[in-house]
Amino acid sequence: WISGFVESTVQTILIFQLPLCSHHIVDDFMCEEPALIKIACVDTTFLENELSVASVLYVIIPLGLILVSYGCIVRSVLRIKSAEGRSKAFGTCGSHMIVVLLFFGTSISVYVQPKSKYTQKHSKFLTLFYTVVTPSLNPLIYTLRNKEVKWALKRLLAGDP
């Protein structure tokens, strides 16, 4: 938490020192560092490199650690003798992995991407996805572990009253 606070403080200080071009229109949903770098009137190579390092430290490494820990969890779950126990464990882990992959997948697509017009057009959608859609889906994904919710959803999708 401390390192995240320090990193975001450093990024904020560096970004606020940028001279912005005359139009001052951020072509994104939020005033994140990549969007502000795009409207700067100076060389932003240092900030782009700093953002790349921060992306590795705060996105890639945590995702790697989560995947390693899930590898250990899967290995342990496979040792459970009862099929019901394995099913419950995988159900719990599966919900979490869906949320992790949705969040980190879109975050990586936004922050760890090559610079091109194609990716710039899609970064707005991806930013919206990881800031709004994923958190909104979170409760639904976790409640699908509940048998009654699964049953109600199946009835709803099948068109039964």
C-alpha atoms as a PDB file:
ATOM      1  CA  TRP A   1       0.000   0.000   0.000  1.00  0.00           C
ATOM      2  CA  ILE A   2       2.808   2.361   0.887  1.00  0.00           C
ATOM      3  CA  SER A   3       4.609   1.730  -2.401  1.00  0.00           C
ATOM      4  CA  GLY A   4       1.352   2.241  -4.341  1.00  0.00           C
ATOM      5  CA  PHE A   5       0.738   5.508  -2.514  1.00  0.00           C
ATOM      6  CA  VAL A   6       4.294   6.716  -3.152  1.00  0.00           C
ATOM      7  CA  GLU A   7       4.144   5.715  -6.835  1.00  0.00           C
ATOM      8  CA  SER A   8       0.817   7.437  -7.463  1.00  0.00           C
ATOM      9  CA  THR A   9       2.048  10.543  -5.639  1.00  0.00           C
ATOM     10  CA  VAL A  10       5.197  10.649  -7.784  1.00  0.00           C
ATOM     11  CA  GLN A  11       3.135  10.162 -10.965  1.00  0.00           C
ATOM     12  CA  THR A  12       0.732  12.930  -9.948  1.00  0.00           C
ATOM     13  CA  ILE A  13       3.552  15.384  -9.199  1.00  0.00           C
ATOM     14  CA  LEU A  14       5.285  14.626 -12.502  1.00  0.00           C
ATOM     15  CA  ILE A  15       2.070  14.907 -14.531  1.00  0.00           C
ATOM     16  CA  PHE A  16       1.053  18.216 -12.938  1.00  0.00           C
ATOM     17  CA  GLN A  17       4.388  19.696 -14.001  1.00  0.00           C
ATOM     18  CA  LEU A  18       3.694  19.010 -17.687  1.00  0.00           C
ATOM     19  CA  PRO A  19       2.855  21.976 -19.892  1.00  0.00           C
ATOM     20  CA  LEU A  20      -0.296  21.032 -21.774  1.00  0.00           C
ATOM     21  CA  CYS A  21      -1.068  21.993 -25.353  1.00  0.00           C
ATOM     22  CA  SER A  22      -3.532  24.792 -25.989  1.00  0.00           C
ATOM     23  CA  HIS A  23      -6.615  22.632 -26.520  1.00  0.00           C
ATOM     24  CA  HIS A  24      -6.520  20.966 -23.028  1.00  0.00           C
ATOM     25  CA  ILE A  25      -9.073  18.356 -24.062  1.00  0.00           C
ATOM     26  CA  VAL A  26      -8.472  14.914 -22.605  1.00  0.00           C
ATOM     27  CA  ASP A  27      -9.579  12.338 -25.155  1.00  0.00           C
ATOM     28  CA  ASP A  28     -10.524   9.692 -22.594  1.00  0.00           C
ATOM     29  CA  PHE A  29     -13.062   8.955 -19.869  1.00  0.00           C
ATOM     30  CA  MET A  30     -10.650   9.824 -17.057  1.00  0.00           C
ATOM     31  CA  CYS A  31      -7.611  12.012 -16.489  1.00  0.00           C
ATOM     32  CA  GLU A  32      -5.211   9.120 -16.183  1.00  0.00           C
ATOM     33  CA  GLU A  33      -1.509   9.477 -16.873  1.00  0.00           C
ATOM     34  CA  PRO A  34      -1.579   8.046 -20.448  1.00  0.00           C
ATOM     35  CA  ALA A  35      -4.370  10.451 -21.462  1.00  0.00           C
ATOM     36  CA  LEU A  36      -2.531  13.455 -20.016  1.00  0.00           C
ATOM     37  CA  ILE A  37       0.777  12.431 -21.600  1.00  0.00           C
ATOM     38  CA  LYS A  38      -0.950  12.530 -25.000  1.00  0.00           C
ATOM     39  CA  ILE A  39      -1.824  16.241 -24.639  1.00  0.00           C
ATOM     40  CA  ALA A  40       1.555  17.386 -23.305  1.00  0.00           C
ATOM     41  CA  CYS A  41       3.556  19.863 -25.390  1.00  0.00           C
ATOM     42  CA  VAL A  42       6.979  18.536 -24.343  1.00  0.00           C
ATOM     43  CA  ASP A  43       8.966  15.340 -24.710  1.00  0.00           C
ATOM     44  CA  THR A  44       7.326  12.777 -22.436  1.00  0.00           C
ATOM     45  CA  THR A  45       9.782   9.918 -22.910  1.00  0.00           C
ATOM     46  CA  PHE A  46      10.742   9.910 -19.219  1.00  0.00           C
ATOM     47  CA  LEU A  47       7.091   9.758 -18.106  1.00  0.00           C
ATOM     48  CA  GLU A  48       6.298   7.026 -20.615  1.00  0.00           C
ATOM     49  CA  ASN A  49       9.239   4.996 -19.325  1.00  0.00           C
ATOM     50  CA  GLU A  50       8.198   5.634 -15.733  1.00  0.00           C
ATOM     51  CA  LEU A  51       4.672   4.473 -16.579  1.00  0.00           C
ATOM     52  CA  SER A  52       6.086   1.312 -18.173  1.00  0.00           C
ATOM     53  CA  VAL A  53       8.116   0.516 -15.069  1.00  0.00           C
ATOM     54  CA  ALA A  54       5.089   1.225 -12.842  1.00  0.00           C
ATOM     55  CA  SER A  55       2.935  -1.023 -15.049  1.00  0.00           C
ATOM     56  CA  VAL A  56       5.355  -3.892 -14.584  1.00  0.00           C
ATOM     57  CA  LEU A  57       5.643  -3.307 -10.832  1.00  0.00           C
ATOM     58  CA  TYR A  58       1.949  -2.795 -10.110  1.00  0.00           C
ATOM     59  CA  VAL A  59       0.212  -4.853 -12.812  1.00  0.00           C
ATOM     60  CA  ILE A  60       2.430  -7.581 -14.282  1.00  0.00           C
ATOM     61  CA  ILE A  61       4.204  -8.690 -11.085  1.00  0.00           C
ATOM     62  CA  PRO A  62       1.003  -8.873  -8.973  1.00  0.00           C
ATOM     63  CA  LEU A  63      -0.736 -10.840 -11.737  1.00  0.00           C
ATOM     64  CA  GLY A  64       2.234 -13.208 -11.902  1.00  0.00           C
ATOM     65  CA  LEU A  65       2.145 -13.723  -8.133  1.00  0.00           C
ATOM     66  CA  ILE A  66      -1.621 -14.344  -8.233  1.00  0.00           C
ATOM     67  CA  LEU A  67      -1.196 -16.920 -11.010  1.00  0.00           C
ATOM     68  CA  VAL A  68       1.630 -18.669  -9.137  1.00  0.00           C
ATOM     69  CA  SER A  69      -0.475 -18.790  -5.968  1.00  0.00           C
ATOM     70  CA  TYR A  70      -3.407 -20.180  -7.959  1.00  0.00           C
ATOM     71  CA  GLY A  71      -1.101 -22.839  -9.383  1.00  0.00           C
ATOM     72  CA  CYS A  72      -0.323 -23.887  -5.812  1.00  0.00           C
ATOM     73  CA  ILE A  73      -4.035 -23.804  -4.930  1.00  0.00           C
ATOM     74  CA  VAL A  74      -4.957 -25.960  -7.950  1.00  0.00           C
ATOM     75  CA  ARG A  75      -2.270 -28.469  -7.008  1.00  0.00           C
ATOM     76  CA  SER A  76      -3.693 -28.632  -3.464  1.00  0.00           C
ATOM     77  CA  VAL A  77      -7.290 -28.885  -4.659  1.00  0.00           C
ATOM     78  CA  LEU A  78      -6.404 -31.773  -6.959  1.00  0.00           C
ATOM     79  CA  ARG A  79      -5.237 -33.680  -3.865  1.00  0.00           C
ATOM     80  CA  ILE A  80      -8.724 -33.475  -2.306  1.00  0.00           C
ATOM     81  CA  LYS A  81     -10.189 -36.963  -2.397  1.00  0.00           C
ATOM     82  CA  SER A  82     -13.900 -36.114  -2.684  1.00  0.00           C
ATOM     83  CA  ALA A  83     -15.271 -34.895  -5.998  1.00  0.00           C
ATOM     84  CA  GLU A  84     -17.705 -32.606  -4.147  1.00  0.00           C
ATOM     85  CA  GLY A  85     -14.865 -30.978  -2.207  1.00  0.00           C
ATOM     86  CA  ARG A  86     -12.872 -30.397  -5.394  1.00  0.00           C
ATOM     87  CA  SER A  87     -15.952 -28.959  -7.092  1.00  0.00           C
ATOM     88  CA  LYS A  88     -16.618 -26.505  -4.238  1.00  0.00           C
ATOM     89  CA  ALA A  89     -12.977 -25.410  -4.138  1.00  0.00           C
ATOM     90  CA  PHE A  90     -12.811 -24.905  -7.900  1.00  0.00           C
ATOM     91  CA  GLY A  91     -16.123 -23.007  -7.808  1.00  0.00           C
ATOM     92  CA  THR A  92     -14.756 -20.573  -5.279  1.00  0.00           C
ATOM     93  CA  CYS A  93     -11.429 -20.188  -7.078  1.00  0.00           C
ATOM     94  CA  GLY A  94     -13.117 -19.966 -10.479  1.00  0.00           C
ATOM     95  CA  SER A  95     -15.183 -16.937  -9.496  1.00  0.00           C
ATOM     96  CA  HIS A  96     -12.127 -15.133  -8.239  1.00  0.00           C
ATOM     97  CA  MET A  97     -10.056 -16.010 -11.303  1.00  0.00           C
ATOM     98  CA  ILE A  98     -12.758 -14.642 -13.634  1.00  0.00           C
ATOM     99  CA  VAL A  99     -12.667 -11.305 -11.810  1.00  0.00           C
ATOM    100  CA  VAL A 100      -8.854 -11.273 -11.705  1.00  0.00           C
ATOM    101  CA  LEU A 101      -8.563 -12.024 -15.421  1.00  0.00           C
ATOM    102  CA  LEU A 102     -11.198  -9.426 -16.370  1.00  0.00           C
ATOM    103  CA  PHE A 103      -9.477  -6.713 -14.319  1.00  0.00           C
ATOM    104  CA  PHE A 104      -5.856  -7.526 -15.094  1.00  0.00           C
ATOM    105  CA  GLY A 105      -6.539  -8.395 -18.737  1.00  0.00           C
ATOM    106  CA  THR A 106      -8.052  -5.018 -19.479  1.00  0.00           C
ATOM    107  CA  SER A 107      -5.500  -3.185 -17.300  1.00  0.00           C
ATOM    108  CA  ILE A 108      -2.650  -4.811 -19.181  1.00  0.00           C
ATOM    109  CA  SER A 109      -4.320  -3.934 -22.477  1.00  0.00           C
ATOM    110  CA  VAL A 110      -4.492  -0.263 -21.448  1.00  0.00           C
ATOM    111  CA  TYR A 111      -1.115   0.197 -19.757  1.00  0.00           C
ATOM    112  CA  VAL A 112       1.152  -2.377 -21.375  1.00  0.00           C
ATOM    113  CA  GLN A 113       0.453  -1.848 -25.049  1.00  0.00           C
ATOM    114  CA  PRO A 114       2.384  -0.686 -28.056  1.00  0.00           C
ATOM    115  CA  LYS A 115       1.622   2.834 -29.223  1.00  0.00           C
ATOM    116  CA  SER A 116      -0.629   2.763 -32.285  1.00  0.00           C
ATOM    117  CA  LYS A 117      -3.806   4.423 -33.469  1.00  0.00           C
ATOM    118  CA  TYR A 118      -5.689   1.120 -33.221  1.00  0.00           C
ATOM    119  CA  THR A 119      -4.888   0.652 -29.521  1.00  0.00           C
ATOM    120  CA  GLN A 120      -5.521   4.329 -28.717  1.00  0.00           C
ATOM    121  CA  LYS A 121      -9.052   4.044 -30.084  1.00  0.00           C
ATOM    122  CA  HIS A 122      -9.727   0.963 -28.002  1.00  0.00           C
ATOM    123  CA  SER A 123      -8.086   2.200 -24.795  1.00  0.00           C
ATOM    124  CA  LYS A 124     -11.161   4.291 -23.938  1.00  0.00           C
ATOM    125  CA  PHE A 125     -13.380   1.233 -24.117  1.00  0.00           C
ATOM    126  CA  LEU A 126     -10.919  -0.845 -22.100  1.00  0.00           C
ATOM    127  CA  THR A 127     -10.568   1.899 -19.483  1.00  0.00           C
ATOM    128  CA  LEU A 128     -14.340   1.987 -19.125  1.00  0.00           C
ATOM    129  CA  PHE A 129     -14.383  -1.795 -18.919  1.00  0.00           C
ATOM    130  CA  TYR A 130     -11.870  -2.155 -16.071  1.00  0.00           C
ATOM    131  CA  THR A 131     -13.169   0.836 -14.104  1.00  0.00           C
ATOM    132  CA  VAL A 132     -16.937   0.293 -14.469  1.00  0.00           C
ATOM    133  CA  VAL A 133     -17.883  -3.034 -16.034  1.00  0.00           C
ATOM    134  CA  THR A 134     -15.597  -5.340 -14.042  1.00  0.00           C
ATOM    135  CA  PRO A 135     -16.547  -3.894 -10.627  1.00  0.00           C
ATOM    136  CA  SER A 136     -20.214  -4.007 -11.661  1.00  0.00           C
ATOM    137  CA  LEU A 137     -19.935  -7.666 -12.649  1.00  0.00           C
ATOM    138  CA  ASN A 138     -18.108  -8.539  -9.423  1.00  0.00           C
ATOM    139  CA  PRO A 139     -21.240  -9.131  -7.293  1.00  0.00           C
ATOM    140  CA  LEU A 140     -22.917 -11.126 -10.073  1.00  0.00           C
ATOM    141  CA  ILE A 141     -19.874 -13.350 -10.593  1.00  0.00           C
ATOM    142  CA  TYR A 142     -19.572 -14.095  -6.888  1.00  0.00           C
ATOM    143  CA  THR A 143     -23.306 -14.691  -6.370  1.00  0.00           C
ATOM    144  CA  LEU A 144     -23.308 -17.275  -9.168  1.00  0.00           C
ATOM    145  CA  ARG A 145     -21.680 -19.581  -6.612  1.00  0.00           C
ATOM    146  CA  ASN A 146     -25.026 -19.601  -4.773  1.00  0.00           C
ATOM    147  CA  LYS A 147     -27.251 -22.513  -5.877  1.00  0.00           C
ATOM    148  CA  GLU A 148     -30.471 -20.501  -5.603  1.00  0.00           C
ATOM    149  CA  VAL A 149     -29.064 -17.697  -7.733  1.00  0.00           C
ATOM    150  CA  LYS A 150     -27.885 -20.207 -10.353  1.00  0.00           C
ATOM    151  CA  TRP A 151     -31.330 -21.800 -10.404  1.00  0.00           C
ATOM    152  CA  ALA A 152     -33.101 -18.422 -10.719  1.00  0.00           C
ATOM    153  CA  LEU A 153     -30.759 -17.323 -13.517  1.00  0.00           C
ATOM    154  CA  LYS A 154     -31.339 -20.575 -15.427  1.00  0.00           C
ATOM    155  CA  ARG A 155     -35.114 -20.079 -15.096  1.00  0.00           C
ATOM    156  CA  LEU A 156     -34.824 -16.473 -16.245  1.00  0.00           C
ATOM    157  CA  LEU A 157     -32.721 -17.385 -19.278  1.00  0.00           C
ATOM    158  CA  ALA A 158     -34.995 -20.320 -20.158  1.00  0.00           C
ATOM    159  CA  GLY A 159     -38.052 -18.031 -20.033  1.00  0.00           C
ATOM    160  CA  ASP A 160     -39.817 -19.943 -17.237  1.00  0.00           C
ATOM    161  CA  PRO A 161     -42.100 -17.846 -15.030  1.00  0.00           C
END
